[in-house]
Amino acid sequence: MLSACARVLRPIVRLALSRGVKHAHLDEVLRRLLIDEARRMWQGRGVEPNISQLSITTGLHRKAVTSMVRDEIEQLPSSEASAPARTVTRWLHICTDDPSCRKLPISADAQTPSFESVAHEASHGNVHHRAVLDELLRLGMVRESDGFVELKAEGFVPAQDMRSMLAFLGDNTRDHLMAAVSNTLGEQAAFLERSVFAKGIAAEDCERIHGLVRARWSALHHELSGELTKAFTEAPTSASSRMRVGIYAYYEDGASQANPEAPDPPRGRRP
């Protein structure tokens, strides 16, 4: 169990160290997570746990539990609630059907597609289209000129905003791991969580296959976006379920850095 946790945590530790995060910060995060998940476990049994129960379950001292239960930490923005993200997703869906829509008037009449209408539909009118446009301009995803706005991005990847990138990293990785953990624990019917792997192939083949995956994902993304939009539109007001579907690809040249605990292959032999 600890070995599996170490493999999962290694890239997170790498990210944390690259941004100056120290042991004390990670230790505090882990303590808070232990307490929060322990509370969820007790609540799953129909019990609202007290400090002593949380202390026994986590192995943390009562004083530490009491202090952390009272404190709150700053939260990352929710990627699911991002009006700019939903606008880009909706815009890309429209562009798949009509590529000419990559460039739209900022405002137009009701019969003509416009950025205003796309942003209004994506945010359900809760965010003004100018605020959405200003954020996309800040992130470098669109270009504005002479009353028109052109979509430059192929997806909502806010590379110029570390806070937003961390939010997507957290949300996407969390749900991927939630599916894997649920499957491991056998908590419910198995979620789709599969991958393919090869070692000892040329770097150019890695790049070629990566391009293939991107192309296939683009088509699947369009289909899934339409299905999720339809499901949301037709859902009753009481509906509360959420769904995230993702795909990933990773490759590296030379000896694996993602699995440093693996033994070295025998010399003179191809692994």
Foldseek 3Di string as FASTA:
>chain_A
DVVVVCLLCVVVVVVCVVVPHDPVNVVLVVLLVLLVVQQVVQVVVVDRDDLVSSCVSSVHDSVSSVVSVPDDDDDFDAPVLDLLQLLVLQQLLVCVVPVVSLKAFCDDDPVGDHLQVSSCLSNVNPDGSVVSVVVCVVLVQWDDDDRMIGGNDLHPQSPVDVSVNVNCVVVVVVVLVVLVVCVVVVVDPHDDHDDDDDPDDDPVVLVVVVVVVVVVVSVVSSVVSVVVSVCVVPPDPPDDDDDDDDDDDDDDDDDDPSCVVDDDDDPPDDD
